[in-house]
C-alpha atoms as a PDB file:
ATOM      1  CA  MET A   1      39.547 268.544  10.785  1.00  0.00           C
ATOM      2  CA  GLN A   2      43.237 269.310  10.428  1.00  0.00           C
ATOM      3  CA  PHE A   3      44.824 269.364   6.964  1.00  0.00           C
ATOM      4  CA  ARG A   4      48.425 269.649   5.780  1.00  0.00           C
ATOM      5  CA  PHE A   5      48.416 271.497   2.435  1.00  0.00           C
ATOM      6  CA  PRO A   6      51.402 270.797   0.132  1.00  0.00           C
ATOM      7  CA  SER A   7      53.573 273.519  -1.321  1.00  0.00           C
ATOM      8  CA  PHE A   8      52.754 272.716  -4.938  1.00  0.00           C
ATOM      9  CA  PHE A   9      54.647 275.709  -6.294  1.00  0.00           C
ATOM     10  CA  MET A  10      57.881 274.125  -5.081  1.00  0.00           C
ATOM     11  CA  TRP A  11      57.197 270.704  -6.632  1.00  0.00           C
ATOM     12  CA  LEU A  12      55.778 272.114  -9.856  1.00  0.00           C
ATOM     13  CA  SER A  13      58.980 274.091 -10.285  1.00  0.00           C
ATOM     14  CA  VAL A  14      61.001 270.874  -9.832  1.00  0.00           C
ATOM     15  CA  VAL A  15      58.974 269.129 -12.515  1.00  0.00           C
ATOM     16  CA  ALA A  16      59.307 272.157 -14.806  1.00  0.00           C
ATOM     17  CA  ILE A  17      63.084 272.256 -14.614  1.00  0.00           C
ATOM     18  CA  LEU A  18      63.345 268.683 -15.862  1.00  0.00           C
ATOM     19  CA  SER A  19      63.023 270.158 -19.333  1.00  0.00           C
ATOM     20  CA  GLY A  20      65.810 272.718 -18.771  1.00  0.00           C
ATOM     21  CA  CYS A  21      69.460 272.414 -19.701  1.00  0.00           C
ATOM     22  CA  MET A  22      72.742 273.557 -18.267  1.00  0.00           C
ATOM     23  CA  SER A  23      75.216 275.824 -20.054  1.00  0.00           C
ATOM     24  CA  THR A  24      78.508 274.279 -21.090  1.00  0.00           C
ATOM     25  CA  VAL A  25      81.472 275.838 -19.336  1.00  0.00           C
ATOM     26  CA  ASP A  26      85.129 275.018 -19.843  1.00  0.00           C
ATOM     27  CA  ILE A  27      86.256 274.560 -16.258  1.00  0.00           C
ATOM     28  CA  LYS A  28      88.410 272.634 -13.877  1.00  0.00           C
ATOM     29  CA  PRO A  29      86.212 270.495 -11.606  1.00  0.00           C
ATOM     30  CA  GLN A  30      87.034 270.221  -7.920  1.00  0.00           C
ATOM     31  CA  THR A  31      87.384 267.116  -5.795  1.00  0.00           C
ATOM     32  CA  THR A  32      84.118 265.442  -4.803  1.00  0.00           C
ATOM     33  CA  ALA A  33      82.994 266.471  -1.322  1.00  0.00           C
ATOM     34  CA  THR A  34      80.831 264.127   0.724  1.00  0.00           C
ATOM     35  CA  GLN A  35      79.288 263.768   4.157  1.00  0.00           C
ATOM     36  CA  THR A  36      79.305 260.385   5.871  1.00  0.00           C
ATOM     37  CA  THR A  37      76.424 260.879   8.318  1.00  0.00           C
ATOM     38  CA  ALA A  38      72.824 260.313   7.224  1.00  0.00           C
ATOM     39  CA  ILE A  39      69.792 261.452   9.218  1.00  0.00           C
ATOM     40  CA  PRO A  40      66.782 259.949   7.426  1.00  0.00           C
ATOM     41  CA  PHE A  41      64.164 261.698   9.559  1.00  0.00           C
ATOM     42  CA  SER A  42      65.182 264.863  11.332  1.00  0.00           C
ATOM     43  CA  THR A  43      63.209 266.062  14.357  1.00  0.00           C
ATOM     44  CA  ALA A  44      64.520 269.591  13.999  1.00  0.00           C
ATOM     45  CA  THR A  45      62.111 272.389  13.226  1.00  0.00           C
ATOM     46  CA  THR A  46      62.111 274.015   9.795  1.00  0.00           C
ATOM     47  CA  GLN A  47      65.133 276.190   9.166  1.00  0.00           C
ATOM     48  CA  PRO A  48      64.540 279.960   8.835  1.00  0.00           C
ATOM     49  CA  THR A  49      64.712 281.410   5.351  1.00  0.00           C
ATOM     50  CA  THR A  50      66.388 284.696   6.317  1.00  0.00           C
ATOM     51  CA  VAL A  51      69.981 285.400   5.395  1.00  0.00           C
ATOM     52  CA  THR A  52      72.168 284.557   8.382  1.00  0.00           C
ATOM     53  CA  PRO A  53      75.846 285.475   8.882  1.00  0.00           C
ATOM     54  CA  LEU A  54      78.008 282.350   9.218  1.00  0.00           C
ATOM     55  CA  PRO A  55      81.706 281.781   9.916  1.00  0.00           C
ATOM     56  CA  SER A  56      83.928 281.942   6.871  1.00  0.00           C
ATOM     57  CA  PRO A  57      84.922 278.453   5.590  1.00  0.00           C
ATOM     58  CA  THR A  58      88.504 277.327   5.236  1.00  0.00           C
ATOM     59  CA  VAL A  59      88.975 276.831   1.502  1.00  0.00           C
ATOM     60  CA  THR A  60      92.054 275.576  -0.287  1.00  0.00           C
ATOM     61  CA  SER A  61      90.480 275.066  -3.713  1.00  0.00           C
ATOM     62  CA  ALA A  62      92.072 276.706  -6.726  1.00  0.00           C
ATOM     63  CA  PRO A  63      90.033 278.914  -9.046  1.00  0.00           C
ATOM     64  CA  LEU A  64      87.901 276.651 -11.217  1.00  0.00           C
ATOM     65  CA  PHE A  65      87.263 278.674 -14.360  1.00  0.00           C
ATOM     66  CA  THR A  66      89.329 279.136 -17.473  1.00  0.00           C
ATOM     67  CA  GLN A  67      88.398 281.273 -20.441  1.00  0.00           C
ATOM     68  CA  MET A  68      86.278 279.301 -22.901  1.00  0.00           C
ATOM     69  CA  PRO A  69      85.873 279.907 -26.629  1.00  0.00           C
ATOM     70  CA  LEU A  70      82.718 281.544 -27.860  1.00  0.00           C
ATOM     71  CA  VAL A  71      79.877 279.052 -28.116  1.00  0.00           C
ATOM     72  CA  GLN A  72      78.656 277.922 -31.506  1.00  0.00           C
ATOM     73  CA  LYS A  73      74.945 277.101 -31.534  1.00  0.00           C
ATOM     74  CA  SER A  74      74.299 273.674 -32.985  1.00  0.00           C
ATOM     75  CA  GLY A  75      72.091 270.648 -32.508  1.00  0.00           C
ATOM     76  CA  PHE A  76      74.230 268.384 -30.315  1.00  0.00           C
ATOM     77  CA  VAL A  77      72.152 265.528 -28.888  1.00  0.00           C
ATOM     78  CA  PHE A  78      73.579 262.882 -26.538  1.00  0.00           C
ATOM     79  CA  MET A  79      72.122 259.444 -27.412  1.00  0.00           C
ATOM     80  CA  GLY A  80      73.952 256.983 -25.168  1.00  0.00           C
ATOM     81  CA  GLU A  81      77.243 255.618 -23.880  1.00  0.00           C
ATOM     82  CA  THR A  82      79.162 252.537 -22.791  1.00  0.00           C
ATOM     83  CA  ILE A  83      80.898 252.241 -19.384  1.00  0.00           C
ATOM     84  CA  PRO A  84      78.118 253.883 -17.315  1.00  0.00           C
ATOM     85  CA  ASP A  85      79.068 256.492 -14.710  1.00  0.00           C
ATOM     86  CA  GLY A  86      80.519 254.869 -11.599  1.00  0.00           C
ATOM     87  CA  THR A  87      81.602 251.606 -13.298  1.00  0.00           C
ATOM     88  CA  ASN A  88      84.105 249.840 -11.056  1.00  0.00           C
ATOM     89  CA  LEU A  89      87.334 248.668 -12.684  1.00  0.00           C
ATOM     90  CA  GLN A  90      90.470 246.997 -11.420  1.00  0.00           C
ATOM     91  CA  PRO A  91      93.730 249.015 -11.280  1.00  0.00           C
ATOM     92  CA  GLY A  92      95.458 249.159 -14.654  1.00  0.00           C
ATOM     93  CA  HIS A  93      92.469 247.766 -16.553  1.00  0.00           C
ATOM     94  CA  SER A  94      92.284 248.902 -20.200  1.00  0.00           C
ATOM     95  CA  PHE A  95      88.827 249.817 -21.502  1.00  0.00           C
ATOM     96  CA  GLN A  96      87.104 251.674 -24.321  1.00  0.00           C
ATOM     97  CA  LYS A  97      84.535 254.399 -23.719  1.00  0.00           C
ATOM     98  CA  THR A  98      81.990 255.078 -26.475  1.00  0.00           C
ATOM     99  CA  TRP A  99      79.589 258.010 -26.725  1.00  0.00           C
ATOM    100  CA  THR A 100      76.749 258.020 -29.256  1.00  0.00           C
ATOM    101  CA  ILE A 101      75.795 261.516 -30.419  1.00  0.00           C
ATOM    102  CA  LYS A 102      73.476 262.997 -33.020  1.00  0.00           C
ATOM    103  CA  ASN A 103      73.681 266.116 -35.177  1.00  0.00           C
ATOM    104  CA  ASN A 104      70.197 267.509 -34.602  1.00  0.00           C
ATOM    105  CA  GLY A 105      70.999 270.855 -36.201  1.00  0.00           C
ATOM    106  CA  SER A 106      70.495 272.259 -39.681  1.00  0.00           C
ATOM    107  CA  SER A 107      74.113 272.255 -40.907  1.00  0.00           C
ATOM    108  CA  THR A 108      76.677 269.538 -41.555  1.00  0.00           C
ATOM    109  CA  TRP A 109      79.488 268.949 -39.070  1.00  0.00           C
ATOM    110  CA  ASP A 110      82.710 268.506 -41.021  1.00  0.00           C
ATOM    111  CA  LYS A 111      85.688 266.343 -40.043  1.00  0.00           C
ATOM    112  CA  SER A 112      87.409 269.278 -38.346  1.00  0.00           C
ATOM    113  CA  LEU A 113      85.176 268.810 -35.281  1.00  0.00           C
ATOM    114  CA  GLU A 114      86.792 267.036 -32.348  1.00  0.00           C
ATOM    115  CA  LEU A 115      86.258 266.229 -28.700  1.00  0.00           C
ATOM    116  CA  VAL A 116      88.590 268.331 -26.578  1.00  0.00           C
ATOM    117  CA  LYS A 117      89.613 267.212 -23.093  1.00  0.00           C
ATOM    118  CA  THR A 118      88.746 270.184 -20.861  1.00  0.00           C
ATOM    119  CA  ALA A 119      89.384 268.941 -17.318  1.00  0.00           C
ATOM    120  CA  SER A 120      89.809 265.925 -15.066  1.00  0.00           C
ATOM    121  CA  ASP A 121      89.202 265.052 -11.437  1.00  0.00           C
ATOM    122  CA  PRO A 122      91.709 264.659  -9.912  1.00  0.00           C
ATOM    123  CA  ASP A 123      93.366 267.158 -12.230  1.00  0.00           C
ATOM    124  CA  ASN A 124      96.571 265.148 -12.649  1.00  0.00           C
ATOM    125  CA  GLU A 125      94.839 261.968 -13.866  1.00  0.00           C
ATOM    126  CA  SER A 126      93.300 261.790 -17.355  1.00  0.00           C
ATOM    127  CA  LEU A 127      93.000 257.954 -17.647  1.00  0.00           C
ATOM    128  CA  GLY A 128      95.497 257.994 -20.500  1.00  0.00           C
ATOM    129  CA  SER A 129      93.134 260.077 -22.619  1.00  0.00           C
ATOM    130  CA  PRO A 130      94.443 262.069 -25.585  1.00  0.00           C
ATOM    131  CA  GLU A 131      93.869 265.814 -25.538  1.00  0.00           C
ATOM    132  CA  TYR A 132      91.882 265.673 -28.798  1.00  0.00           C
ATOM    133  CA  ILE A 133      89.581 263.000 -30.240  1.00  0.00           C
ATOM    134  CA  PRO A 134      88.681 263.670 -33.898  1.00  0.00           C
ATOM    135  CA  LEU A 135      85.160 263.199 -35.214  1.00  0.00           C
ATOM    136  CA  ALA A 136      86.705 261.146 -38.073  1.00  0.00           C
ATOM    137  CA  GLN A 137      83.865 261.793 -40.523  1.00  0.00           C
ATOM    138  CA  GLU A 138      81.429 264.535 -41.443  1.00  0.00           C
ATOM    139  CA  LEU A 139      77.981 264.308 -39.905  1.00  0.00           C
ATOM    140  CA  LYS A 140      74.939 265.558 -41.802  1.00  0.00           C
ATOM    141  CA  PRO A 141      71.810 266.838 -39.995  1.00  0.00           C
ATOM    142  CA  GLY A 142      69.970 263.911 -38.414  1.00  0.00           C
ATOM    143  CA  GLU A 143      72.930 261.526 -38.608  1.00  0.00           C
ATOM    144  CA  ILE A 144      74.325 259.643 -35.600  1.00  0.00           C
ATOM    145  CA  ILE A 145      77.952 258.766 -34.832  1.00  0.00           C
ATOM    146  CA  GLU A 146      79.871 256.826 -32.202  1.00  0.00           C
ATOM    147  CA  ILE A 147      82.993 258.430 -30.765  1.00  0.00           C
ATOM    148  CA  LYS A 148      85.404 256.011 -29.103  1.00  0.00           C
ATOM    149  CA  VAL A 149      88.467 256.497 -26.933  1.00  0.00           C
ATOM    150  CA  ASP A 150      90.814 253.925 -25.389  1.00  0.00           C
ATOM    151  CA  LEU A 151      91.504 254.551 -21.710  1.00  0.00           C
ATOM    152  CA  VAL A 152      93.318 252.917 -18.796  1.00  0.00           C
ATOM    153  CA  ALA A 153      92.206 252.771 -15.157  1.00  0.00           C
ATOM    154  CA  PRO A 154      94.796 254.263 -12.743  1.00  0.00           C
ATOM    155  CA  GLN A 155      96.778 252.071 -10.385  1.00  0.00           C
ATOM    156  CA  GLN A 156      95.440 253.833  -7.287  1.00  0.00           C
ATOM    157  CA  ASP A 157      91.969 253.123  -5.880  1.00  0.00           C
ATOM    158  CA  GLY A 158      89.545 256.040  -6.079  1.00  0.00           C
ATOM    159  CA  HIS A 159      87.004 258.018  -8.114  1.00  0.00           C
ATOM    160  CA  TYR A 160      88.067 259.435 -11.508  1.00  0.00           C
ATOM    161  CA  THR A 161      86.353 261.716 -14.067  1.00  0.00           C
ATOM    162  CA  VAL A 162      87.539 263.192 -17.374  1.00  0.00           C
ATOM    163  CA  PHE A 163      85.500 265.931 -19.096  1.00  0.00           C
ATOM    164  CA  TYR A 164      85.292 266.717 -22.822  1.00  0.00           C
ATOM    165  CA  GLU A 165      83.395 269.056 -25.121  1.00  0.00           C
ATOM    166  CA  LEU A 166      82.922 269.198 -28.878  1.00  0.00           C
ATOM    167  CA  ARG A 167      84.631 272.057 -30.756  1.00  0.00           C
ATOM    168  CA  ASP A 168      84.788 272.975 -34.416  1.00  0.00           C
ATOM    169  CA  GLY A 169      87.851 273.647 -36.563  1.00  0.00           C
ATOM    170  CA  VAL A 170      88.295 277.219 -35.307  1.00  0.00           C
ATOM    171  CA  GLY A 171      87.894 276.307 -31.648  1.00  0.00           C
ATOM    172  CA  LEU A 172      84.247 277.265 -31.117  1.00  0.00           C
ATOM    173  CA  THR A 173      82.405 275.142 -28.593  1.00  0.00           C
ATOM    174  CA  ILE A 174      79.294 273.266 -29.710  1.00  0.00           C
ATOM    175  CA  LEU A 175      76.479 274.274 -27.375  1.00  0.00           C
ATOM    176  CA  ASN A 176      75.626 271.804 -24.556  1.00  0.00           C
ATOM    177  CA  SER A 177      78.199 269.282 -25.814  1.00  0.00           C
ATOM    178  CA  GLN A 178      79.982 268.523 -22.518  1.00  0.00           C
ATOM    179  CA  ILE A 179      80.334 264.785 -21.915  1.00  0.00           C
ATOM    180  CA  TRP A 180      82.507 262.806 -19.530  1.00  0.00           C
ATOM    181  CA  VAL A 181      83.715 259.426 -18.344  1.00  0.00           C
ATOM    182  CA  THR A 182      83.452 258.588 -14.615  1.00  0.00           C
ATOM    183  CA  ILE A 183      84.828 255.394 -13.077  1.00  0.00           C
ATOM    184  CA  THR A 184      85.794 253.986  -9.696  1.00  0.00           C
ATOM    185  CA  VAL A 185      88.933 251.889  -9.291  1.00  0.00           C
ATOM    186  CA  GLY A 186      89.552 249.073  -6.846  1.00  0.00           C
ATOM    187  CA  ASN A 187      88.029 249.010  -3.378  1.00  0.00           C
ATOM    188  CA  VAL A 188      86.399 252.404  -2.923  1.00  0.00           C
ATOM    189  CA  PRO A 189      84.474 252.868   0.334  1.00  0.00           C
ATOM    190  CA  VAL A 190      80.891 254.099   0.054  1.00  0.00           C
ATOM    191  CA  SER A 191      80.988 257.835   0.688  1.00  0.00           C
ATOM    192  CA  GLY A 192      78.111 259.912   1.932  1.00  0.00           C
ATOM    193  CA  ALA A 193      74.648 258.930   3.058  1.00  0.00           C
ATOM    194  CA  TYR A 194      73.368 255.907   1.149  1.00  0.00           C
ATOM    195  CA  GLY A 195      76.256 256.344  -1.293  1.00  0.00           C
ATOM    196  CA  VAL A 196      75.180 259.884  -2.190  1.00  0.00           C
ATOM    197  CA  SER A 197      78.078 262.159  -3.149  1.00  0.00           C
ATOM    198  CA  ALA A 198      78.476 265.587  -4.747  1.00  0.00           C
ATOM    199  CA  GLN A 199      81.028 266.945  -7.227  1.00  0.00           C
ATOM    200  CA  LEU A 200      81.593 270.565  -8.211  1.00  0.00           C
ATOM    201  CA  LEU A 201      81.690 271.174 -11.970  1.00  0.00           C
ATOM    202  CA  SER A 202      81.814 274.934 -12.522  1.00  0.00           C
ATOM    203  CA  ALA A 203      80.912 278.351 -11.132  1.00  0.00           C
ATOM    204  CA  TYR A 204      80.510 281.625 -13.024  1.00  0.00           C
ATOM    205  CA  MET A 205      78.738 284.969 -13.121  1.00  0.00           C
ATOM    206  CA  ASP A 206      75.707 285.185 -15.421  1.00  0.00           C
ATOM    207  CA  TYR A 207      74.657 288.826 -15.524  1.00  0.00           C
ATOM    208  CA  SER A 208      73.808 289.650 -11.876  1.00  0.00           C
ATOM    209  CA  GLU A 209      73.575 286.037 -10.655  1.00  0.00           C
ATOM    210  CA  PHE A 210      76.261 283.641  -9.504  1.00  0.00           C
ATOM    211  CA  LYS A 211      75.691 280.155 -10.905  1.00  0.00           C
ATOM    212  CA  VAL A 212      77.104 276.909  -9.547  1.00  0.00           C
ATOM    213  CA  ASP A 213      76.961 273.655 -11.518  1.00  0.00           C
ATOM    214  CA  PHE A 214      77.430 270.353  -9.705  1.00  0.00           C
ATOM    215  CA  CYS A 215      76.653 266.641 -10.095  1.00  0.00           C
ATOM    216  CA  MET A 216      75.394 264.145  -7.528  1.00  0.00           C
ATOM    217  CA  GLN A 217      75.634 260.370  -7.398  1.00  0.00           C
ATOM    218  CA  LEU A 218      72.184 259.349  -6.092  1.00  0.00           C
ATOM    219  CA  PRO A 219      70.701 256.052  -4.841  1.00  0.00           C
ATOM    220  CA  ASP A 220      68.900 255.242  -8.106  1.00  0.00           C
ATOM    221  CA  GLU A 221      67.486 256.755 -11.298  1.00  0.00           C
ATOM    222  CA  ARG A 222      64.305 258.183  -9.756  1.00  0.00           C
ATOM    223  CA  GLN A 223      63.516 261.915  -9.550  1.00  0.00           C
ATOM    224  CA  TRP A 224      65.886 262.798  -6.694  1.00  0.00           C
ATOM    225  CA  TYR A 225      66.475 266.515  -6.267  1.00  0.00           C
ATOM    226  CA  PRO A 226      68.754 268.527  -3.932  1.00  0.00           C
ATOM    227  CA  GLU A 227      67.032 270.716  -1.328  1.00  0.00           C
ATOM    228  CA  LYS A 228      68.224 273.253   1.259  1.00  0.00           C
ATOM    229  CA  VAL A 229      70.974 274.334  -1.140  1.00  0.00           C
ATOM    230  CA  LEU A 230      72.718 277.421   0.239  1.00  0.00           C
ATOM    231  CA  LEU A 231      75.672 279.555  -0.880  1.00  0.00           C
ATOM    232  CA  LEU A 232      78.028 280.974   1.742  1.00  0.00           C
ATOM    233  CA  VAL A 233      80.206 283.875   0.594  1.00  0.00           C
ATOM    234  CA  ASN A 234      81.660 286.886   2.425  1.00  0.00           C
ATOM    235  CA  HIS A 235      80.094 285.698   5.706  1.00  0.00           C
ATOM    236  CA  GLN A 236      76.595 285.794   4.184  1.00  0.00           C
ATOM    237  CA  GLN A 237      74.277 282.942   3.280  1.00  0.00           C
ATOM    238  CA  TYR A 238      72.148 283.039   0.120  1.00  0.00           C
ATOM    239  CA  ALA A 239      69.217 280.885  -0.991  1.00  0.00           C
ATOM    240  CA  PRO A 240      68.881 280.066  -4.720  1.00  0.00           C
ATOM    241  CA  VAL A 241      66.539 282.023  -6.974  1.00  0.00           C
ATOM    242  CA  ALA A 242      66.451 279.358  -9.700  1.00  0.00           C
ATOM    243  CA  SER A 243      67.685 275.839 -10.437  1.00  0.00           C
ATOM    244  CA  ARG A 244      67.823 273.413 -13.336  1.00  0.00           C
ATOM    245  CA  ILE A 245      68.595 269.763 -13.939  1.00  0.00           C
ATOM    246  CA  ASP A 246      70.696 268.651 -16.898  1.00  0.00           C
ATOM    247  CA  PRO A 247      68.318 266.538 -19.027  1.00  0.00           C
ATOM    248  CA  VAL A 248      71.184 264.324 -20.252  1.00  0.00           C
ATOM    249  CA  GLY A 249      71.402 262.493 -16.918  1.00  0.00           C
ATOM    250  CA  ALA A 250      67.930 263.198 -15.554  1.00  0.00           C
ATOM    251  CA  THR A 251      66.889 259.549 -15.822  1.00  0.00           C
ATOM    252  CA  THR A 252      70.142 258.136 -14.408  1.00  0.00           C
ATOM    253  CA  ALA A 253      71.544 257.887 -10.886  1.00  0.00           C
ATOM    254  CA  ASN A 254      74.191 260.505 -11.701  1.00  0.00           C
ATOM    255  CA  LYS A 255      72.363 263.807 -12.124  1.00  0.00           C
ATOM    256  CA  CYS A 256      73.806 267.267 -12.709  1.00  0.00           C
ATOM    257  CA  PHE A 257      72.246 270.545 -11.563  1.00  0.00           C
ATOM    258  CA  SER A 258      72.691 274.293 -11.974  1.00  0.00           C
ATOM    259  CA  PHE A 259      71.714 276.644  -9.123  1.00  0.00           C
ATOM    260  CA  SER A 260      71.585 280.457  -9.404  1.00  0.00           C
ATOM    261  CA  PHE A 261      72.113 282.837  -6.473  1.00  0.00           C
ATOM    262  CA  PRO A 262      71.316 286.577  -6.226  1.00  0.00           C
ATOM    263  CA  VAL A 263      74.834 287.822  -5.583  1.00  0.00           C
ATOM    264  CA  SER A 264      77.768 289.218  -7.565  1.00  0.00           C
ATOM    265  CA  ILE A 265      81.148 287.754  -6.611  1.00  0.00           C
ATOM    266  CA  VAL A 266      84.528 289.313  -7.365  1.00  0.00           C
ATOM    267  CA  SER A 267      87.058 287.087  -9.095  1.00  0.00           C
ATOM    268  CA  GLY A 268      89.097 285.044  -6.630  1.00  0.00           C
ATOM    269  CA  THR A 269      86.526 285.228  -3.819  1.00  0.00           C
ATOM    270  CA  THR A 270      86.120 281.898  -2.050  1.00  0.00           C
ATOM    271  CA  TYR A 271      82.678 280.417  -1.523  1.00  0.00           C
ATOM    272  CA  GLN A 272      81.036 277.329  -0.070  1.00  0.00           C
ATOM    273  CA  LEU A 273      77.991 275.494  -1.410  1.00  0.00           C
ATOM    274  CA  SER A 274      76.023 273.428   1.092  1.00  0.00           C
ATOM    275  CA  ILE A 275      73.490 270.798  -0.046  1.00  0.00           C
ATOM    276  CA  GLY A 276      71.257 269.992   2.895  1.00  0.00           C
ATOM    277  CA  LYS A 277      69.362 266.956   1.631  1.00  0.00           C
ATOM    278  CA  VAL A 278      68.100 265.091  -1.411  1.00  0.00           C
ATOM    279  CA  GLU A 279      64.568 263.791  -1.753  1.00  0.00           C
ATOM    280  CA  LEU A 280      61.876 262.492  -4.082  1.00  0.00           C
ATOM    281  CA  PRO A 281      58.671 264.382  -4.972  1.00  0.00           C
ATOM    282  CA  PRO A 282      56.103 263.011  -2.485  1.00  0.00           C
ATOM    283  CA  GLN A 283      53.132 263.613  -4.784  1.00  0.00           C
ATOM    284  CA  VAL A 284      54.440 260.931  -7.165  1.00  0.00           C
ATOM    285  CA  HIS A 285      52.755 257.758  -5.871  1.00  0.00           C
ATOM    286  CA  GLN A 286      51.423 259.824  -2.978  1.00  0.00           C
ATOM    287  CA  ALA A 287      49.165 257.122  -1.512  1.00  0.00           C
ATOM    288  CA  GLU A 288      52.018 254.586  -1.341  1.00  0.00           C
ATOM    289  CA  ASN A 289      54.421 257.189   0.061  1.00  0.00           C
ATOM    290  CA  CYS A 290      51.984 258.181   2.798  1.00  0.00           C
ATOM    291  CA  ALA A 291      51.240 254.572   3.759  1.00  0.00           C
ATOM    292  CA  LEU A 292      54.978 253.878   4.037  1.00  0.00           C
ATOM    293  CA  ALA A 293      55.457 257.014   6.174  1.00  0.00           C
ATOM    294  CA  GLN A 294      52.674 255.843   8.494  1.00  0.00           C
ATOM    295  CA  THR A 295      54.320 252.455   8.989  1.00  0.00           C
ATOM    296  CA  ILE A 296      57.780 253.918   9.635  1.00  0.00           C
ATOM    297  CA  LEU A 297      56.745 256.749  11.948  1.00  0.00           C
ATOM    298  CA  ARG A 298      54.213 254.825  14.034  1.00  0.00           C
ATOM    299  CA  THR A 299      57.009 252.408  14.923  1.00  0.00           C
ATOM    300  CA  ALA A 300      59.750 255.016  15.413  1.00  0.00           C
ATOM    301  CA  TYR A 301      57.597 257.516  17.364  1.00  0.00           C
ATOM    302  CA  PRO A 302      54.904 255.789  19.473  1.00  0.00           C
ATOM    303  CA  GLY A 303      51.872 258.034  19.805  1.00  0.00           C
ATOM    304  CA  LEU A 304      52.439 259.823  16.478  1.00  0.00           C
ATOM    305  CA  ASP A 305      49.588 259.195  14.055  1.00  0.00           C
ATOM    306  CA  PHE A 306      47.829 260.743  11.069  1.00  0.00           C
ATOM    307  CA  ASN A 307      45.523 259.834   8.202  1.00  0.00           C
ATOM    308  CA  CYS A 308      46.569 259.890   4.576  1.00  0.00           C
ATOM    309  CA  ALA A 309      44.692 262.443   2.481  1.00  0.00           C
ATOM    310  CA  GLY A 310      43.679 262.676  -1.149  1.00  0.00           C
ATOM    311  CA  PRO A 311      45.011 265.003  -3.842  1.00  0.00           C
ATOM    312  CA  GLY A 312      45.679 268.509  -2.559  1.00  0.00           C
ATOM    313  CA  PHE A 313      46.623 267.489   0.997  1.00  0.00           C
ATOM    314  CA  TRP A 314      49.448 265.436   2.489  1.00  0.00           C
ATOM    315  CA  TYR A 315      47.653 264.186   5.601  1.00  0.00           C
ATOM    316  CA  THR A 316      44.820 264.875   8.069  1.00  0.00           C
ATOM    317  CA  HIS A 317      43.946 264.175  11.740  1.00  0.00           C
ATOM    318  CA  LEU A 318      47.452 264.625  13.129  1.00  0.00           C
ATOM    319  CA  VAL A 319      47.959 263.128  16.598  1.00  0.00           C
ATOM    320  CA  LEU A 320      51.087 264.234  18.467  1.00  0.00           C
ATOM    321  CA  PRO A 321      53.034 262.197  21.023  1.00  0.00           C
ATOM    322  CA  ALA A 322      54.126 263.888  24.236  1.00  0.00           C
ATOM    323  CA  GLY A 323      56.942 266.379  23.732  1.00  0.00           C
ATOM    324  CA  MET A 324      56.625 266.665  19.918  1.00  0.00           C
ATOM    325  CA  THR A 325      55.526 269.902  18.270  1.00  0.00           C
ATOM    326  CA  GLU A 326      53.305 270.122  15.211  1.00  0.00           C
ATOM    327  CA  GLU A 327      56.225 271.581  13.227  1.00  0.00           C
ATOM    328  CA  GLN A 328      58.459 268.644  14.148  1.00  0.00           C
ATOM    329  CA  ALA A 329      55.766 266.116  13.217  1.00  0.00           C
ATOM    330  CA  ASP A 330      55.145 267.882   9.912  1.00  0.00           C
ATOM    331  CA  GLN A 331      58.844 267.689   9.024  1.00  0.00           C
ATOM    332  CA  LEU A 332      59.005 264.017   9.975  1.00  0.00           C
ATOM    333  CA  ILE A 333      55.972 263.112   7.869  1.00  0.00           C
ATOM    334  CA  LEU A 334      57.104 265.007   4.774  1.00  0.00           C
ATOM    335  CA  ASP A 335      60.660 263.639   5.080  1.00  0.00           C
ATOM    336  CA  ALA A 336      59.292 260.091   5.301  1.00  0.00           C
ATOM    337  CA  MET A 337      56.963 260.622   2.336  1.00  0.00           C
ATOM    338  CA  SER A 338      59.857 262.090   0.318  1.00  0.00           C
ATOM    339  CA  SER A 339      62.448 259.425   1.289  1.00  0.00           C
ATOM    340  CA  SER A 340      64.652 262.346   2.381  1.00  0.00           C
ATOM    341  CA  ILE A 341      68.384 261.724   2.810  1.00  0.00           C
ATOM    342  CA  TYR A 342      70.213 264.373   4.819  1.00  0.00           C
ATOM    343  CA  GLY A 343      73.808 265.555   4.279  1.00  0.00           C
ATOM    344  CA  PRO A 344      75.070 268.114   4.244  1.00  0.00           C
ATOM    345  CA  TRP A 345      77.390 267.786   1.278  1.00  0.00           C
ATOM    346  CA  ILE A 346      79.877 270.665   1.192  1.00  0.00           C
ATOM    347  CA  LEU A 347      81.582 271.973  -1.971  1.00  0.00           C
ATOM    348  CA  ASN A 348      84.298 274.651  -1.827  1.00  0.00           C
ATOM    349  CA  GLY A 349      85.590 276.831  -4.643  1.00  0.00           C
ATOM    350  CA  ALA A 350      86.732 280.258  -5.793  1.00  0.00           C
ATOM    351  CA  ALA A 351      84.938 282.648  -8.172  1.00  0.00           C
ATOM    352  CA  PRO A 352      86.451 282.946 -11.674  1.00  0.00           C
END
């Protein structure tokens, strides 16, 4: 009997990072980069994991890091918002964005705290936002407040994002307090596979690792996660050694991630981040996922067949059609069970 054993270490690590959080960095985000071709089920064999020299990318991005104030530890908790990410508005439409936040710390926030606009994408369009939005009242531990700002949609169709973070009266950043408003204006064509797109947020050295933070607009609020994420710098390709998801958006269709790579990068060095695909964890509703994969693949590849297995195995009794290798069939089955969407989505930048 033939069994396909799942790589549980990989999926357990994905589940574990759902409880992680991303560091707040005062940066200038780069323009969203997308790929318009989707390959739902690739027949290519598994890519090698060794570091492979690649041609240097052509990058025109400006450096994306500016010096941030020292971080003040405090209990910032994001509770909710109006105008969800990706809301479509007509050109020139006036609207009000509201964030609901909670002081979950042990000290009172006084009225000197304010939201500070840190960046926008594109960088010359801030939606009419002021540079500073005062807290307006002190906030004792456990109390909740709504922060509102009046904004205006640009006249040009497109995607727009403005980033903010909370700072105290002496300019210290409140830990993990980055929030943003993201809208689309007018008739914006769907970009990327199934509407999936990627946007670079920040990149920085953290001890001996280079970290890249980015967000992705995904098909829905399920547990989508980027895979085959690679960093290209100085003609070398690096696989990540760790990754995290920002818990603030983990249950929404717009999720943000932080990936760490084992390389030190000199300031000003250009790099390219490639996101190969996004997918769902196949062990969640495994029986339904396997049954769906059977239906899809039996129709698409006559002669390909397999039995669904119980916990601990993806499938058994693999039958190959003429000309298909076991490795190709394995990739097809796991992609179908994971609802894999292929890019790649390419993000370019320069080290701070």
